[in-house]
PDB file of N, CA and C in Angstrom:
ATOM      1  N   MET A   1     -58.672 -19.054 -26.708  1.00  0.00           N
ATOM      2  CA  MET A   1     -60.010 -19.306 -27.209  1.00  0.00           C
ATOM      3  C   MET A   1     -59.909 -19.680 -28.686  1.00  0.00           C
ATOM      4  N   ALA A   2     -60.423 -20.801 -29.034  1.00  0.00           N
ATOM      5  CA  ALA A   2     -60.420 -21.237 -30.427  1.00  0.00           C
ATOM      6  C   ALA A   2     -61.589 -20.592 -31.150  1.00  0.00           C
ATOM      7  N   THR A   3     -61.305 -20.086 -32.333  1.00  0.00           N
ATOM      8  CA  THR A   3     -62.322 -19.454 -33.167  1.00  0.00           C
ATOM      9  C   THR A   3     -62.108 -19.923 -34.593  1.00  0.00           C
ATOM     10  N   SER A   4     -63.181 -20.114 -35.306  1.00  0.00           N
ATOM     11  CA  SER A   4     -63.033 -20.494 -36.714  1.00  0.00           C
ATOM     12  C   SER A   4     -63.701 -19.446 -37.590  1.00  0.00           C
ATOM     13  N   ILE A   5     -63.130 -19.259 -38.768  1.00  0.00           N
ATOM     14  CA  ILE A   5     -63.701 -18.332 -39.745  1.00  0.00           C
ATOM     15  C   ILE A   5     -63.652 -18.980 -41.121  1.00  0.00           C
ATOM     16  N   ARG A   6     -64.535 -18.523 -41.984  1.00  0.00           N
ATOM     17  CA  ARG A   6     -64.521 -18.977 -43.373  1.00  0.00           C
ATOM     18  C   ARG A   6     -63.912 -17.868 -44.214  1.00  0.00           C
ATOM     19  N   LEU A   7     -62.976 -18.239 -45.049  1.00  0.00           N
ATOM     20  CA  LEU A   7     -62.330 -17.275 -45.932  1.00  0.00           C
ATOM     21  C   LEU A   7     -62.700 -17.575 -47.369  1.00  0.00           C
ATOM     22  N   ASP A   8     -62.756 -16.521 -48.169  1.00  0.00           N
ATOM     23  CA  ASP A   8     -62.914 -16.728 -49.603  1.00  0.00           C
ATOM     24  C   ASP A   8     -61.710 -17.534 -50.090  1.00  0.00           C
ATOM     25  N   PRO A   9     -61.898 -18.405 -51.061  1.00  0.00           N
ATOM     26  CA  PRO A   9     -60.784 -19.231 -51.541  1.00  0.00           C
ATOM     27  C   PRO A   9     -59.567 -18.403 -51.966  1.00  0.00           C
ATOM     28  N   GLU A  10     -59.795 -17.281 -52.598  1.00  0.00           N
ATOM     29  CA  GLU A  10     -58.671 -16.440 -53.052  1.00  0.00           C
ATOM     30  C   GLU A  10     -57.858 -15.919 -51.857  1.00  0.00           C
ATOM     31  N   ILE A  11     -58.545 -15.483 -50.818  1.00  0.00           N
ATOM     32  CA  ILE A  11     -57.863 -14.978 -49.629  1.00  0.00           C
ATOM     33  C   ILE A  11     -57.113 -16.110 -48.940  1.00  0.00           C
ATOM     34  N   GLU A  12     -57.737 -17.282 -48.860  1.00  0.00           N
ATOM     35  CA  GLU A  12     -57.076 -18.417 -48.227  1.00  0.00           C
ATOM     36  C   GLU A  12     -55.829 -18.821 -49.001  1.00  0.00           C
ATOM     37  N   GLN A  13     -55.889 -18.777 -50.326  1.00  0.00           N
ATOM     38  CA  GLN A  13     -54.718 -19.105 -51.134  1.00  0.00           C
ATOM     39  C   GLN A  13     -53.589 -18.100 -50.881  1.00  0.00           C
ATOM     40  N   ARG A  14     -53.941 -16.828 -50.778  1.00  0.00           N
ATOM     41  CA  ARG A  14     -52.930 -15.805 -50.495  1.00  0.00           C
ATOM     42  C   ARG A  14     -52.295 -16.033 -49.129  1.00  0.00           C
ATOM     43  N   LEU A  15     -53.127 -16.369 -48.154  1.00  0.00           N
ATOM     44  CA  LEU A  15     -52.633 -16.636 -46.810  1.00  0.00           C
ATOM     45  C   LEU A  15     -51.738 -17.880 -46.812  1.00  0.00           C
ATOM     46  N   ASP A  16     -52.157 -18.918 -47.505  1.00  0.00           N
ATOM     47  CA  ASP A  16     -51.343 -20.137 -47.633  1.00  0.00           C
ATOM     48  C   ASP A  16     -49.981 -19.807 -48.247  1.00  0.00           C
ATOM     49  N   ARG A  17     -49.997 -19.050 -49.335  1.00  0.00           N
ATOM     50  CA  ARG A  17     -48.764 -18.706 -50.041  1.00  0.00           C
ATOM     51  C   ARG A  17     -47.827 -17.902 -49.127  1.00  0.00           C
ATOM     52  N   LEU A  18     -48.388 -16.941 -48.388  1.00  0.00           N
ATOM     53  CA  LEU A  18     -47.585 -16.137 -47.470  1.00  0.00           C
ATOM     54  C   LEU A  18     -46.965 -17.019 -46.387  1.00  0.00           C
ATOM     55  N   ALA A  19     -47.749 -17.925 -45.842  1.00  0.00           N
ATOM     56  CA  ALA A  19     -47.252 -18.809 -44.791  1.00  0.00           C
ATOM     57  C   ALA A  19     -46.127 -19.704 -45.311  1.00  0.00           C
ATOM     58  N   VAL A  20     -46.329 -20.280 -46.478  1.00  0.00           N
ATOM     59  CA  VAL A  20     -45.312 -21.172 -47.048  1.00  0.00           C
ATOM     60  C   VAL A  20     -44.033 -20.403 -47.351  1.00  0.00           C
ATOM     61  N   GLN A  21     -44.168 -19.239 -47.962  1.00  0.00           N
ATOM     62  CA  GLN A  21     -42.988 -18.482 -48.374  1.00  0.00           C
ATOM     63  C   GLN A  21     -42.212 -17.892 -47.198  1.00  0.00           C
ATOM     64  N   THR A  22     -42.847 -17.710 -46.073  1.00  0.00           N
ATOM     65  CA  THR A  22     -42.167 -17.099 -44.924  1.00  0.00           C
ATOM     66  C   THR A  22     -41.860 -18.087 -43.811  1.00  0.00           C
ATOM     67  N   GLY A  23     -42.420 -19.297 -43.902  1.00  0.00           N
ATOM     68  CA  GLY A  23     -42.182 -20.288 -42.871  1.00  0.00           C
ATOM     69  C   GLY A  23     -42.961 -20.042 -41.576  1.00  0.00           C
ATOM     70  N   ARG A  24     -43.940 -19.180 -41.635  1.00  0.00           N
ATOM     71  CA  ARG A  24     -44.781 -18.928 -40.462  1.00  0.00           C
ATOM     72  C   ARG A  24     -46.130 -19.608 -40.691  1.00  0.00           C
ATOM     73  N   THR A  25     -46.914 -19.711 -39.618  1.00  0.00           N
ATOM     74  CA  THR A  25     -48.218 -20.352 -39.751  1.00  0.00           C
ATOM     75  C   THR A  25     -49.278 -19.350 -40.201  1.00  0.00           C
ATOM     76  N   LYS A  26     -50.339 -19.896 -40.744  1.00  0.00           N
ATOM     77  CA  LYS A  26     -51.482 -19.041 -41.095  1.00  0.00           C
ATOM     78  C   LYS A  26     -52.045 -18.398 -39.837  1.00  0.00           C
ATOM     79  N   ALA A  27     -52.070 -19.151 -38.742  1.00  0.00           N
ATOM     80  CA  ALA A  27     -52.581 -18.620 -37.475  1.00  0.00           C
ATOM     81  C   ALA A  27     -51.780 -17.394 -37.034  1.00  0.00           C
ATOM     82  N   TYR A  28     -50.465 -17.433 -37.261  1.00  0.00           N
ATOM     83  CA  TYR A  28     -49.629 -16.286 -36.904  1.00  0.00           C
ATOM     84  C   TYR A  28     -50.112 -15.033 -37.637  1.00  0.00           C
ATOM     85  N   TYR A  29     -50.334 -15.152 -38.929  1.00  0.00           N
ATOM     86  CA  TYR A  29     -50.743 -13.987 -39.716  1.00  0.00           C
ATOM     87  C   TYR A  29     -52.160 -13.533 -39.380  1.00  0.00           C
ATOM     88  N   LEU A  30     -53.034 -14.471 -39.082  1.00  0.00           N
ATOM     89  CA  LEU A  30     -54.385 -14.092 -38.671  1.00  0.00           C
ATOM     90  C   LEU A  30     -54.354 -13.336 -37.352  1.00  0.00           C
ATOM     91  N   ARG A  31     -53.521 -13.797 -36.410  1.00  0.00           N
ATOM     92  CA  ARG A  31     -53.376 -13.072 -35.134  1.00  0.00           C
ATOM     93  C   ARG A  31     -52.807 -11.679 -35.384  1.00  0.00           C
ATOM     94  N   GLU A  32     -51.808 -11.576 -36.235  1.00  0.00           N
ATOM     95  CA  GLU A  32     -51.221 -10.275 -36.563  1.00  0.00           C
ATOM     96  C   GLU A  32     -52.267  -9.319 -37.144  1.00  0.00           C
ATOM     97  N   LEU A  33     -53.078  -9.833 -38.053  1.00  0.00           N
ATOM     98  CA  LEU A  33     -54.132  -9.003 -38.639  1.00  0.00           C
ATOM     99  C   LEU A  33     -55.100  -8.506 -37.582  1.00  0.00           C
ATOM    100  N   ILE A  34     -55.470  -9.370 -36.666  1.00  0.00           N
ATOM    101  CA  ILE A  34     -56.431  -8.990 -35.630  1.00  0.00           C
ATOM    102  C   ILE A  34     -55.810  -7.981 -34.668  1.00  0.00           C
ATOM    103  N   VAL A  35     -54.626  -8.299 -34.169  1.00  0.00           N
ATOM    104  CA  VAL A  35     -53.970  -7.408 -33.206  1.00  0.00           C
ATOM    105  C   VAL A  35     -53.738  -6.022 -33.811  1.00  0.00           C
ATOM    106  N   ASN A  36     -53.267  -5.992 -35.050  1.00  0.00           N
ATOM    107  CA  ASN A  36     -52.950  -4.712 -35.674  1.00  0.00           C
ATOM    108  C   ASN A  36     -54.162  -4.004 -36.265  1.00  0.00           C
ATOM    109  N   GLY A  37     -55.248  -4.713 -36.450  1.00  0.00           N
ATOM    110  CA  GLY A  37     -56.408  -4.096 -37.081  1.00  0.00           C
ATOM    111  C   GLY A  37     -57.582  -3.820 -36.159  1.00  0.00           C
ATOM    112  N   ILE A  38     -57.580  -4.380 -34.975  1.00  0.00           N
ATOM    113  CA  ILE A  38     -58.762  -4.248 -34.121  1.00  0.00           C
ATOM    114  C   ILE A  38     -58.990  -2.805 -33.683  1.00  0.00           C
ATOM    115  N   GLU A  39     -57.918  -2.052 -33.450  1.00  0.00           N
ATOM    116  CA  GLU A  39     -58.082  -0.666 -33.033  1.00  0.00           C
ATOM    117  C   GLU A  39     -58.791   0.147 -34.126  1.00  0.00           C
ATOM    118  N   ASP A  40     -58.406  -0.063 -35.369  1.00  0.00           N
ATOM    119  CA  ASP A  40     -59.074   0.631 -36.475  1.00  0.00           C
ATOM    120  C   ASP A  40     -60.542   0.234 -36.559  1.00  0.00           C
ATOM    121  N   LEU A  41     -60.821  -1.055 -36.389  1.00  0.00           N
ATOM    122  CA  LEU A  41     -62.210  -1.517 -36.426  1.00  0.00           C
ATOM    123  C   LEU A  41     -63.015  -0.915 -35.288  1.00  0.00           C
ATOM    124  N   GLU A  42     -62.422  -0.891 -34.088  1.00  0.00           N
ATOM    125  CA  GLU A  42     -63.111  -0.284 -32.952  1.00  0.00           C
ATOM    126  C   GLU A  42     -63.403   1.183 -33.220  1.00  0.00           C
ATOM    127  N   ASP A  43     -62.391   1.904 -33.695  1.00  0.00           N
ATOM    128  CA  ASP A  43     -62.586   3.330 -33.994  1.00  0.00           C
ATOM    129  C   ASP A  43     -63.725   3.532 -34.982  1.00  0.00           C
ATOM    130  N   PHE A  44     -63.712   2.769 -36.048  1.00  0.00           N
ATOM    131  CA  PHE A  44     -64.716   2.948 -37.094  1.00  0.00           C
ATOM    132  C   PHE A  44     -66.115   2.588 -36.611  1.00  0.00           C
ATOM    133  N   TYR A  45     -66.260   1.379 -36.076  1.00  0.00           N
ATOM    134  CA  TYR A  45     -67.603   0.908 -35.723  1.00  0.00           C
ATOM    135  C   TYR A  45     -68.182   1.608 -34.503  1.00  0.00           C
ATOM    136  N   LEU A  46     -67.336   1.958 -33.523  1.00  0.00           N
ATOM    137  CA  LEU A  46     -67.840   2.695 -32.366  1.00  0.00           C
ATOM    138  C   LEU A  46     -68.220   4.119 -32.766  1.00  0.00           C
ATOM    139  N   ALA A  47     -67.439   4.744 -33.646  1.00  0.00           N
ATOM    140  CA  ALA A  47     -67.798   6.073 -34.146  1.00  0.00           C
ATOM    141  C   ALA A  47     -69.089   6.014 -34.954  1.00  0.00           C
ATOM    142  N   ASP A  48     -69.227   4.984 -35.757  1.00  0.00           N
ATOM    143  CA  ASP A  48     -70.446   4.821 -36.541  1.00  0.00           C
ATOM    144  C   ASP A  48     -71.668   4.660 -35.632  1.00  0.00           C
ATOM    145  N   ALA A  49     -71.529   3.882 -34.572  1.00  0.00           N
ATOM    146  CA  ALA A  49     -72.632   3.684 -33.631  1.00  0.00           C
ATOM    147  C   ALA A  49     -72.969   4.994 -32.922  1.00  0.00           C
ATOM    148  N   THR A  50     -71.943   5.772 -32.572  1.00  0.00           N
ATOM    149  CA  THR A  50     -72.175   7.072 -31.933  1.00  0.00           C
ATOM    150  C   THR A  50     -72.902   8.012 -32.887  1.00  0.00           C
ATOM    151  N   MET A  51     -72.481   8.039 -34.134  1.00  0.00           N
ATOM    152  CA  MET A  51     -73.148   8.916 -35.113  1.00  0.00           C
ATOM    153  C   MET A  51     -74.608   8.508 -35.312  1.00  0.00           C
ATOM    154  N   GLU A  52     -74.891   7.230 -35.256  1.00  0.00           N
ATOM    155  CA  GLU A  52     -76.278   6.780 -35.378  1.00  0.00           C
ATOM    156  C   GLU A  52     -77.094   7.284 -34.190  1.00  0.00           C
ATOM    157  N   ARG A  53     -76.515   7.238 -32.981  1.00  0.00           N
ATOM    158  CA  ARG A  53     -77.212   7.782 -31.805  1.00  0.00           C
ATOM    159  C   ARG A  53     -77.408   9.286 -31.930  1.00  0.00           C
ATOM    160  N   VAL A  54     -76.431   9.984 -32.480  1.00  0.00           N
ATOM    161  CA  VAL A  54     -76.560  11.437 -32.704  1.00  0.00           C
ATOM    162  C   VAL A  54     -77.713  11.700 -33.656  1.00  0.00           C
ATOM    163  N   ARG A  55     -77.766  10.970 -34.759  1.00  0.00           N
ATOM    164  CA  ARG A  55     -78.843  11.158 -35.745  1.00  0.00           C
ATOM    165  C   ARG A  55     -80.217  10.909 -35.134  1.00  0.00           C
ATOM    166  N   LYS A  56     -80.284   9.965 -34.178  1.00  0.00           N
ATOM    167  CA  LYS A  56     -81.559   9.636 -33.541  1.00  0.00           C
ATOM    168  C   LYS A  56     -81.860  10.539 -32.340  1.00  0.00           C
ATOM    169  N   GLY A  57     -80.950  11.466 -32.039  1.00  0.00           N
ATOM    170  CA  GLY A  57     -81.152  12.357 -30.907  1.00  0.00           C
ATOM    171  C   GLY A  57     -80.934  11.694 -29.559  1.00  0.00           C
ATOM    172  N   LYS A  58     -80.201  10.600 -29.544  1.00  0.00           N
ATOM    173  CA  LYS A  58     -79.974   9.856 -28.308  1.00  0.00           C
ATOM    174  C   LYS A  58     -78.571  10.086 -27.745  1.00  0.00           C
ATOM    175  N   GLU A  59     -77.857  11.041 -28.279  1.00  0.00           N
ATOM    176  CA  GLU A  59     -76.488  11.325 -27.833  1.00  0.00           C
ATOM    177  C   GLU A  59     -76.370  12.827 -27.626  1.00  0.00           C
ATOM    178  N   ASN A  60     -75.784  13.234 -26.501  1.00  0.00           N
ATOM    179  CA  ASN A  60     -75.585  14.655 -26.246  1.00  0.00           C
ATOM    180  C   ASN A  60     -74.537  15.214 -27.192  1.00  0.00           C
ATOM    181  N   VAL A  61     -74.814  16.397 -27.726  1.00  0.00           N
ATOM    182  CA  VAL A  61     -73.905  17.067 -28.641  1.00  0.00           C
ATOM    183  C   VAL A  61     -73.705  18.487 -28.132  1.00  0.00           C
ATOM    184  N   PHE A  62     -72.450  18.958 -28.138  1.00  0.00           N
ATOM    185  CA  PHE A  62     -72.134  20.288 -27.648  1.00  0.00           C
ATOM    186  C   PHE A  62     -71.385  21.064 -28.718  1.00  0.00           C
ATOM    187  N   THR A  63     -71.654  22.366 -28.796  1.00  0.00           N
ATOM    188  CA  THR A  63     -70.904  23.222 -29.710  1.00  0.00           C
ATOM    189  C   THR A  63     -69.551  23.523 -29.091  1.00  0.00           C
ATOM    190  N   LEU A  64     -68.627  24.000 -29.898  1.00  0.00           N
ATOM    191  CA  LEU A  64     -67.318  24.393 -29.398  1.00  0.00           C
ATOM    192  C   LEU A  64     -67.457  25.480 -28.339  1.00  0.00           C
ATOM    193  N   GLU A  65     -68.353  26.425 -28.595  1.00  0.00           N
ATOM    194  CA  GLU A  65     -68.554  27.512 -27.638  1.00  0.00           C
ATOM    195  C   GLU A  65     -69.038  26.981 -26.285  1.00  0.00           C
ATOM    196  N   GLU A  66     -69.937  26.010 -26.300  1.00  0.00           N
ATOM    197  CA  GLU A  66     -70.427  25.412 -25.054  1.00  0.00           C
ATOM    198  C   GLU A  66     -69.307  24.703 -24.299  1.00  0.00           C
ATOM    199  N   VAL A  67     -68.478  23.987 -25.007  1.00  0.00           N
ATOM    200  CA  VAL A  67     -67.369  23.273 -24.378  1.00  0.00           C
ATOM    201  C   VAL A  67     -66.389  24.268 -23.770  1.00  0.00           C
ATOM    202  N   GLU A  68     -66.030  25.300 -24.540  1.00  0.00           N
ATOM    203  CA  GLU A  68     -65.105  26.308 -24.026  1.00  0.00           C
ATOM    204  C   GLU A  68     -65.670  26.981 -22.780  1.00  0.00           C
ATOM    205  N   ARG A  69     -66.951  27.337 -22.811  1.00  0.00           N
ATOM    206  CA  ARG A  69     -67.586  27.981 -21.677  1.00  0.00           C
ATOM    207  C   ARG A  69     -67.605  27.050 -20.461  1.00  0.00           C
ATOM    208  N   ASN A  70     -67.978  25.796 -20.644  1.00  0.00           N
ATOM    209  CA  ASN A  70     -68.041  24.829 -19.549  1.00  0.00           C
ATOM    210  C   ASN A  70     -66.676  24.545 -18.935  1.00  0.00           C
ATOM    211  N   LEU A  71     -65.617  24.656 -19.750  1.00  0.00           N
ATOM    212  CA  LEU A  71     -64.262  24.398 -19.259  1.00  0.00           C
ATOM    213  C   LEU A  71     -63.544  25.673 -18.824  1.00  0.00           C
ATOM    214  N   GLY A  72     -64.229  26.809 -18.945  1.00  0.00           N
ATOM    215  CA  GLY A  72     -63.627  28.091 -18.564  1.00  0.00           C
ATOM    216  C   GLY A  72     -62.522  28.514 -19.508  1.00  0.00           C
ATOM    217  N   LEU A  73     -62.657  28.187 -20.770  1.00  0.00           N
ATOM    218  CA  LEU A  73     -61.633  28.492 -21.763  1.00  0.00           C
ATOM    219  C   LEU A  73     -62.037  29.615 -22.706  1.00  0.00           C
ATOM    220  N   GLU A  74     -63.039  30.381 -22.322  1.00  0.00           N
ATOM    221  CA  GLU A  74     -63.488  31.472 -23.190  1.00  0.00           C
ATOM    222  C   GLU A  74     -62.392  32.525 -23.301  1.00  0.00           C
ATOM    223  N   ASP A  75     -62.332  33.169 -24.465  1.00  0.00           N
ATOM    224  CA  ASP A  75     -61.349  34.248 -24.659  1.00  0.00           C
ATOM    225  C   ASP A  75     -61.703  35.457 -23.846  1.00  0.00           C
TER     226      ASP A  75
END
């Protein structure tokens, strides 16, 4: 799937310099950034969305004691 993005000139220059100095393409480094960074982005943004639902009362929340009791892990 082809995708295009706009980069700040400074970032594009850094990417150009990295590509030239290493002999790899800019596309290679952009793919690397996405592959290696998407999990962090998912963690952050999905957690943020969950916290927003919690704040709005739209997400179930359980205390540790409730979880332990429901799982039969009480002392």
